[in-house]
Amino acid sequence: MRLQTLWTSPIRLIVMVLVGLAILAAAFVTLAVVLPLLLIGGAILHFYVRRQLRRARPSASRHVIDVEYRVVDRP
């Protein structure tokens, strides 16, 4: 019984340190890898959508309506 209580405190300390290191590693990977990838992907998506919208926008020649009309004057 005495041996079990002797090892529980150092084991808990080691586990807590390992959990802390794992959290720090996850935070570092998120900030150093995931965040830049998301920013680059967002910029690429922004320019892609702008290009597609510019292509889809009708040109000035499509706004001209070429019709013949007649004015009827009724007294």
PDB file of N, CA and C in Angstrom:
ATOM      1  N   MET A   1       0.822  -1.188   0.000  1.00  0.00           N
ATOM      2  CA  MET A   1       0.000   0.000   0.000  1.00  0.00           C
ATOM      3  C   MET A   1       0.869   1.257   0.000  1.00  0.00           C
ATOM      4  N   ARG A   2       1.919   1.246   0.754  1.00  0.00           N
ATOM      5  CA  ARG A   2       2.808   2.404   0.851  1.00  0.00           C
ATOM      6  C   ARG A   2       3.492   2.665  -0.491  1.00  0.00           C
ATOM      7  N   LEU A   3       3.863   1.635  -1.229  1.00  0.00           N
ATOM      8  CA  LEU A   3       4.529   1.772  -2.512  1.00  0.00           C
ATOM      9  C   LEU A   3       3.593   2.404  -3.535  1.00  0.00           C
ATOM     10  N   GLN A   4       2.319   2.073  -3.493  1.00  0.00           N
ATOM     11  CA  GLN A   4       1.348   2.617  -4.440  1.00  0.00           C
ATOM     12  C   GLN A   4       1.175   4.122  -4.248  1.00  0.00           C
ATOM     13  N   THR A   5       1.107   4.588  -3.014  1.00  0.00           N
ATOM     14  CA  THR A   5       0.949   6.022  -2.770  1.00  0.00           C
ATOM     15  C   THR A   5       2.245   6.775  -3.066  1.00  0.00           C
ATOM     16  N   LEU A   6       3.363   6.108  -3.021  1.00  0.00           N
ATOM     17  CA  LEU A   6       4.637   6.740  -3.296  1.00  0.00           C
ATOM     18  C   LEU A   6       4.771   7.094  -4.781  1.00  0.00           C
ATOM     19  N   TRP A   7       4.231   6.248  -5.668  1.00  0.00           N
ATOM     20  CA  TRP A   7       4.383   6.454  -7.115  1.00  0.00           C
ATOM     21  C   TRP A   7       3.249   7.264  -7.735  1.00  0.00           C
ATOM     22  N   THR A   8       2.148   7.442  -7.048  1.00  0.00           N
ATOM     23  CA  THR A   8       1.025   8.129  -7.674  1.00  0.00           C
ATOM     24  C   THR A   8       1.319   9.603  -7.933  1.00  0.00           C
ATOM     25  N   SER A   9       2.012  10.277  -7.053  1.00  0.00           N
ATOM     26  CA  SER A   9       2.296  11.694  -7.238  1.00  0.00           C
ATOM     27  C   SER A   9       3.235  11.943  -8.422  1.00  0.00           C
ATOM     28  N   PRO A  10       4.354  11.245  -8.567  1.00  0.00           N
ATOM     29  CA  PRO A  10       5.216  11.467  -9.743  1.00  0.00           C
ATOM     30  C   PRO A  10       4.537  11.049 -11.055  1.00  0.00           C
ATOM     31  N   ILE A  11       3.730  10.019 -11.020  1.00  0.00           N
ATOM     32  CA  ILE A  11       3.029   9.590 -12.235  1.00  0.00           C
ATOM     33  C   ILE A  11       2.014  10.651 -12.650  1.00  0.00           C
ATOM     34  N   ARG A  12       1.295  11.187 -11.693  1.00  0.00           N
ATOM     35  CA  ARG A  12       0.349  12.265 -12.001  1.00  0.00           C
ATOM     36  C   ARG A  12       1.075  13.475 -12.586  1.00  0.00           C
ATOM     37  N   LEU A  13       2.216  13.801 -12.014  1.00  0.00           N
ATOM     38  CA  LEU A  13       2.999  14.924 -12.510  1.00  0.00           C
ATOM     39  C   LEU A  13       3.457  14.682 -13.955  1.00  0.00           C
ATOM     40  N   ILE A  14       3.936  13.489 -14.226  1.00  0.00           N
ATOM     41  CA  ILE A  14       4.380  13.142 -15.584  1.00  0.00           C
ATOM     42  C   ILE A  14       3.215  13.197 -16.560  1.00  0.00           C
ATOM     43  N   VAL A  15       2.064  12.677 -16.156  1.00  0.00           N
ATOM     44  CA  VAL A  15       0.883  12.699 -17.029  1.00  0.00           C
ATOM     45  C   VAL A  15       0.450  14.135 -17.287  1.00  0.00           C
ATOM     46  N   MET A  16       0.460  14.970 -16.267  1.00  0.00           N
ATOM     47  CA  MET A  16       0.068  16.374 -16.449  1.00  0.00           C
ATOM     48  C   MET A  16       1.040  17.095 -17.385  1.00  0.00           C
ATOM     49  N   VAL A  17       2.327  16.837 -17.245  1.00  0.00           N
ATOM     50  CA  VAL A  17       3.311  17.457 -18.126  1.00  0.00           C
ATOM     51  C   VAL A  17       3.103  16.992 -19.557  1.00  0.00           C
ATOM     52  N   LEU A  18       2.847  15.706 -19.757  1.00  0.00           N
ATOM     53  CA  LEU A  18       2.620  15.187 -21.109  1.00  0.00           C
ATOM     54  C   LEU A  18       1.349  15.767 -21.733  1.00  0.00           C
ATOM     55  N   VAL A  19       0.308  15.911 -20.945  1.00  0.00           N
ATOM     56  CA  VAL A  19      -0.927  16.516 -21.451  1.00  0.00           C
ATOM     57  C   VAL A  19      -0.676  17.984 -21.823  1.00  0.00           C
ATOM     58  N   GLY A  20       0.058  18.692 -20.995  1.00  0.00           N
ATOM     59  CA  GLY A  20       0.398  20.081 -21.307  1.00  0.00           C
ATOM     60  C   GLY A  20       1.217  20.200 -22.577  1.00  0.00           C
ATOM     61  N   LEU A  21       2.185  19.301 -22.758  1.00  0.00           N
ATOM     62  CA  LEU A  21       2.984  19.312 -23.990  1.00  0.00           C
ATOM     63  C   LEU A  21       2.133  18.985 -25.211  1.00  0.00           C
ATOM     64  N   ALA A  22       1.191  18.079 -25.060  1.00  0.00           N
ATOM     65  CA  ALA A  22       0.309  17.747 -26.177  1.00  0.00           C
ATOM     66  C   ALA A  22      -0.568  18.941 -26.552  1.00  0.00           C
ATOM     67  N   ILE A  23      -1.060  19.661 -25.558  1.00  0.00           N
ATOM     68  CA  ILE A  23      -1.880  20.856 -25.838  1.00  0.00           C
ATOM     69  C   ILE A  23      -1.031  21.929 -26.512  1.00  0.00           C
ATOM     70  N   LEU A  24       0.191  22.132 -26.040  1.00  0.00           N
ATOM     71  CA  LEU A  24       1.083  23.105 -26.671  1.00  0.00           C
ATOM     72  C   LEU A  24       1.421  22.715 -28.105  1.00  0.00           C
ATOM     73  N   ALA A  25       1.643  21.426 -28.345  1.00  0.00           N
ATOM     74  CA  ALA A  25       1.941  20.967 -29.704  1.00  0.00           C
ATOM     75  C   ALA A  25       0.738  21.187 -30.625  1.00  0.00           C
ATOM     76  N   ALA A  26      -0.460  20.905 -30.127  1.00  0.00           N
ATOM     77  CA  ALA A  26      -1.661  21.119 -30.938  1.00  0.00           C
ATOM     78  C   ALA A  26      -1.851  22.600 -31.241  1.00  0.00           C
ATOM     79  N   ALA A  27      -1.595  23.462 -30.269  1.00  0.00           N
ATOM     80  CA  ALA A  27      -1.727  24.901 -30.492  1.00  0.00           C
ATOM     81  C   ALA A  27      -0.684  25.384 -31.503  1.00  0.00           C
ATOM     82  N   PHE A  28       0.531  24.884 -31.413  1.00  0.00           N
ATOM     83  CA  PHE A  28       1.573  25.277 -32.347  1.00  0.00           C
ATOM     84  C   PHE A  28       1.239  24.836 -33.767  1.00  0.00           C
ATOM     85  N   VAL A  29       0.784  23.603 -33.917  1.00  0.00           N
ATOM     86  CA  VAL A  29       0.425  23.106 -35.252  1.00  0.00           C
ATOM     87  C   VAL A  29      -0.729  23.927 -35.808  1.00  0.00           C
ATOM     88  N   THR A  30      -1.688  24.267 -34.967  1.00  0.00           N
ATOM     89  CA  THR A  30      -2.827  25.069 -35.428  1.00  0.00           C
ATOM     90  C   THR A  30      -2.367  26.439 -35.899  1.00  0.00           C
ATOM     91  N   LEU A  31      -1.534  27.092 -35.124  1.00  0.00           N
ATOM     92  CA  LEU A  31      -1.100  28.443 -35.485  1.00  0.00           C
ATOM     93  C   LEU A  31      -0.086  28.450 -36.629  1.00  0.00           C
ATOM     94  N   ALA A  32       0.785  27.457 -36.694  1.00  0.00           N
ATOM     95  CA  ALA A  32       1.869  27.477 -37.673  1.00  0.00           C
ATOM     96  C   ALA A  32       1.495  26.803 -38.987  1.00  0.00           C
ATOM     97  N   VAL A  33       0.523  25.902 -38.987  1.00  0.00           N
ATOM     98  CA  VAL A  33       0.202  25.156 -40.203  1.00  0.00           C
ATOM     99  C   VAL A  33      -1.226  25.429 -40.669  1.00  0.00           C
ATOM    100  N   VAL A  34      -2.186  25.224 -39.806  1.00  0.00           N
ATOM    101  CA  VAL A  34      -3.589  25.301 -40.209  1.00  0.00           C
ATOM    102  C   VAL A  34      -4.008  26.739 -40.516  1.00  0.00           C
ATOM    103  N   LEU A  35      -3.656  27.667 -39.670  1.00  0.00           N
ATOM    104  CA  LEU A  35      -4.070  29.054 -39.882  1.00  0.00           C
ATOM    105  C   LEU A  35      -3.516  29.644 -41.182  1.00  0.00           C
ATOM    106  N   PRO A  36      -2.226  29.493 -41.491  1.00  0.00           N
ATOM    107  CA  PRO A  36      -1.751  29.999 -42.788  1.00  0.00           C
ATOM    108  C   PRO A  36      -2.421  29.317 -43.977  1.00  0.00           C
ATOM    109  N   LEU A  37      -2.678  28.024 -43.885  1.00  0.00           N
ATOM    110  CA  LEU A  37      -3.368  27.336 -44.980  1.00  0.00           C
ATOM    111  C   LEU A  37      -4.769  27.890 -45.178  1.00  0.00           C
ATOM    112  N   LEU A  38      -5.464  28.171 -44.088  1.00  0.00           N
ATOM    113  CA  LEU A  38      -6.798  28.745 -44.194  1.00  0.00           C
ATOM    114  C   LEU A  38      -6.755  30.147 -44.789  1.00  0.00           C
ATOM    115  N   LEU A  39      -5.775  30.946 -44.392  1.00  0.00           N
ATOM    116  CA  LEU A  39      -5.659  32.295 -44.943  1.00  0.00           C
ATOM    117  C   LEU A  39      -5.340  32.262 -46.436  1.00  0.00           C
ATOM    118  N   ILE A  40      -4.427  31.395 -46.838  1.00  0.00           N
ATOM    119  CA  ILE A  40      -4.082  31.274 -48.258  1.00  0.00           C
ATOM    120  C   ILE A  40      -5.278  30.752 -49.044  1.00  0.00           C
ATOM    121  N   GLY A  41      -5.960  29.753 -48.505  1.00  0.00           N
ATOM    122  CA  GLY A  41      -7.149  29.220 -49.180  1.00  0.00           C
ATOM    123  C   GLY A  41      -8.251  30.256 -49.305  1.00  0.00           C
ATOM    124  N   GLY A  42      -8.436  31.074 -48.279  1.00  0.00           N
ATOM    125  CA  GLY A  42      -9.442  32.131 -48.346  1.00  0.00           C
ATOM    126  C   GLY A  42      -9.106  33.179 -49.388  1.00  0.00           C
ATOM    127  N   ALA A  43      -7.832  33.531 -49.490  1.00  0.00           N
ATOM    128  CA  ALA A  43      -7.425  34.508 -50.508  1.00  0.00           C
ATOM    129  C   ALA A  43      -7.617  33.939 -51.909  1.00  0.00           C
ATOM    130  N   ILE A  44      -7.255  32.682 -52.101  1.00  0.00           N
ATOM    131  CA  ILE A  44      -7.439  32.053 -53.411  1.00  0.00           C
ATOM    132  C   ILE A  44      -8.918  31.981 -53.762  1.00  0.00           C
ATOM    133  N   LEU A  45      -9.748  31.614 -52.813  1.00  0.00           N
ATOM    134  CA  LEU A  45     -11.189  31.545 -53.065  1.00  0.00           C
ATOM    135  C   LEU A  45     -11.755  32.929 -53.386  1.00  0.00           C
ATOM    136  N   HIS A  46     -11.278  33.957 -52.700  1.00  0.00           N
ATOM    137  CA  HIS A  46     -11.740  35.317 -52.957  1.00  0.00           C
ATOM    138  C   HIS A  46     -11.451  35.728 -54.403  1.00  0.00           C
ATOM    139  N   PHE A  47     -10.222  35.519 -54.854  1.00  0.00           N
ATOM    140  CA  PHE A  47      -9.871  35.914 -56.216  1.00  0.00           C
ATOM    141  C   PHE A  47     -10.573  35.052 -57.258  1.00  0.00           C
ATOM    142  N   TYR A  48     -10.799  33.770 -56.947  1.00  0.00           N
ATOM    143  CA  TYR A  48     -11.517  32.904 -57.873  1.00  0.00           C
ATOM    144  C   TYR A  48     -12.969  33.366 -58.048  1.00  0.00           C
ATOM    145  N   VAL A  49     -13.624  33.693 -56.940  1.00  0.00           N
ATOM    146  CA  VAL A  49     -15.019  34.144 -57.009  1.00  0.00           C
ATOM    147  C   VAL A  49     -15.099  35.479 -57.746  1.00  0.00           C
ATOM    148  N   ARG A  50     -14.157  36.392 -57.486  1.00  0.00           N
ATOM    149  CA  ARG A  50     -14.151  37.665 -58.218  1.00  0.00           C
ATOM    150  C   ARG A  50     -14.000  37.444 -59.714  1.00  0.00           C
ATOM    151  N   ARG A  51     -13.140  36.533 -60.104  1.00  0.00           N
ATOM    152  CA  ARG A  51     -12.928  36.252 -61.525  1.00  0.00           C
ATOM    153  C   ARG A  51     -14.173  35.655 -62.157  1.00  0.00           C
ATOM    154  N   GLN A  52     -14.812  34.747 -61.440  1.00  0.00           N
ATOM    155  CA  GLN A  52     -16.029  34.127 -61.977  1.00  0.00           C
ATOM    156  C   GLN A  52     -17.153  35.145 -62.101  1.00  0.00           C
ATOM    157  N   LEU A  53     -17.277  36.033 -61.121  1.00  0.00           N
ATOM    158  CA  LEU A  53     -18.314  37.066 -61.198  1.00  0.00           C
ATOM    159  C   LEU A  53     -18.033  38.041 -62.336  1.00  0.00           C
ATOM    160  N   ARG A  54     -16.767  38.355 -62.568  1.00  0.00           N
ATOM    161  CA  ARG A  54     -16.415  39.250 -63.665  1.00  0.00           C
ATOM    162  C   ARG A  54     -16.746  38.603 -65.012  1.00  0.00           C
ATOM    163  N   ARG A  55     -16.520  37.307 -65.115  1.00  0.00           N
ATOM    164  CA  ARG A  55     -16.864  36.595 -66.351  1.00  0.00           C
ATOM    165  C   ARG A  55     -18.367  36.538 -66.562  1.00  0.00           C
ATOM    166  N   ALA A  56     -19.109  36.388 -65.492  1.00  0.00           N
ATOM    167  CA  ALA A  56     -20.559  36.237 -65.595  1.00  0.00           C
ATOM    168  C   ALA A  56     -21.260  37.570 -65.819  1.00  0.00           C
ATOM    169  N   ARG A  57     -20.580  38.677 -65.545  1.00  0.00           N
ATOM    170  CA  ARG A  57     -21.180  39.995 -65.715  1.00  0.00           C
ATOM    171  C   ARG A  57     -21.404  40.255 -67.206  1.00  0.00           C
ATOM    172  N   PRO A  58     -22.594  40.694 -67.554  1.00  0.00           N
ATOM    173  CA  PRO A  58     -22.847  40.958 -68.973  1.00  0.00           C
ATOM    174  C   PRO A  58     -22.037  42.147 -69.451  1.00  0.00           C
ATOM    175  N   SER A  59     -21.604  42.073 -70.707  1.00  0.00           N
ATOM    176  CA  SER A  59     -20.812  43.169 -71.257  1.00  0.00           C
ATOM    177  C   SER A  59     -21.725  44.327 -71.657  1.00  0.00           C
ATOM    178  N   ALA A  60     -21.126  45.441 -72.043  1.00  0.00           N
ATOM    179  CA  ALA A  60     -21.902  46.638 -72.373  1.00  0.00           C
ATOM    180  C   ALA A  60     -22.749  46.427 -73.618  1.00  0.00           C
ATOM    181  N   SER A  61     -22.296  45.582 -74.543  1.00  0.00           N
ATOM    182  CA  SER A  61     -23.052  45.378 -75.782  1.00  0.00           C
ATOM    183  C   SER A  61     -24.357  44.618 -75.530  1.00  0.00           C
ATOM    184  N   ARG A  62     -24.428  43.904 -74.468  1.00  0.00           N
ATOM    185  CA  ARG A  62     -25.659  43.164 -74.172  1.00  0.00           C
ATOM    186  C   ARG A  62     -26.753  44.071 -73.618  1.00  0.00           C
ATOM    187  N   HIS A  63     -26.395  45.278 -73.189  1.00  0.00           N
ATOM    188  CA  HIS A  63     -27.378  46.183 -72.622  1.00  0.00           C
ATOM    189  C   HIS A  63     -28.127  46.976 -73.694  1.00  0.00           C
ATOM    190  N   VAL A  64     -27.631  46.968 -74.906  1.00  0.00           N
ATOM    191  CA  VAL A  64     -28.263  47.722 -75.977  1.00  0.00           C
ATOM    192  C   VAL A  64     -29.436  46.914 -76.509  1.00  0.00           C
ATOM    193  N   ILE A  65     -30.587  47.522 -76.520  1.00  0.00           N
ATOM    194  CA  ILE A  65     -31.779  46.864 -77.047  1.00  0.00           C
ATOM    195  C   ILE A  65     -32.049  47.468 -78.423  1.00  0.00           C
ATOM    196  N   ASP A  66     -31.960  46.651 -79.428  1.00  0.00           N
ATOM    197  CA  ASP A  66     -32.135  47.118 -80.800  1.00  0.00           C
ATOM    198  C   ASP A  66     -33.549  46.749 -81.250  1.00  0.00           C
ATOM    199  N   VAL A  67     -34.443  47.728 -81.253  1.00  0.00           N
ATOM    200  CA  VAL A  67     -35.831  47.475 -81.636  1.00  0.00           C
ATOM    201  C   VAL A  67     -36.315  48.601 -82.543  1.00  0.00           C
ATOM    202  N   GLU A  68     -37.365  48.319 -83.240  1.00  0.00           N
ATOM    203  CA  GLU A  68     -38.046  49.358 -84.012  1.00  0.00           C
ATOM    204  C   GLU A  68     -39.341  49.677 -83.286  1.00  0.00           C
ATOM    205  N   TYR A  69     -39.707  50.915 -83.284  1.00  0.00           N
ATOM    206  CA  TYR A  69     -40.933  51.283 -82.594  1.00  0.00           C
ATOM    207  C   TYR A  69     -41.700  52.290 -83.452  1.00  0.00           C
ATOM    208  N   ARG A  70     -42.973  52.359 -83.161  1.00  0.00           N
ATOM    209  CA  ARG A  70     -43.866  53.255 -83.892  1.00  0.00           C
ATOM    210  C   ARG A  70     -44.649  54.063 -82.871  1.00  0.00           C
ATOM    211  N   VAL A  71     -44.699  55.363 -83.095  1.00  0.00           N
ATOM    212  CA  VAL A  71     -45.451  56.224 -82.215  1.00  0.00           C
ATOM    213  C   VAL A  71     -46.820  56.414 -82.822  1.00  0.00           C
ATOM    214  N   VAL A  72     -47.836  56.068 -82.069  1.00  0.00           N
ATOM    215  CA  VAL A  72     -49.204  56.234 -82.532  1.00  0.00           C
ATOM    216  C   VAL A  72     -49.774  57.415 -81.787  1.00  0.00           C
ATOM    217  N   ASP A  73     -50.186  58.393 -82.572  1.00  0.00           N
ATOM    218  CA  ASP A  73     -50.720  59.611 -81.990  1.00  0.00           C
ATOM    219  C   ASP A  73     -52.232  59.533 -82.081  1.00  0.00           C
ATOM    220  N   ARG A  74     -52.888  59.484 -80.962  1.00  0.00           N
ATOM    221  CA  ARG A  74     -54.354  59.417 -80.930  1.00  0.00           C
ATOM    222  C   ARG A  74     -54.894  60.732 -80.422  1.00  0.00           C
ATOM    223  N   PRO A  75     -55.835  61.307 -81.164  1.00  0.00           N
ATOM    224  CA  PRO A  75     -56.376  62.594 -80.725  1.00  0.00           C
ATOM    225  C   PRO A  75     -57.305  62.481 -79.547  1.00  0.00           C
TER     226      PRO A  75
END
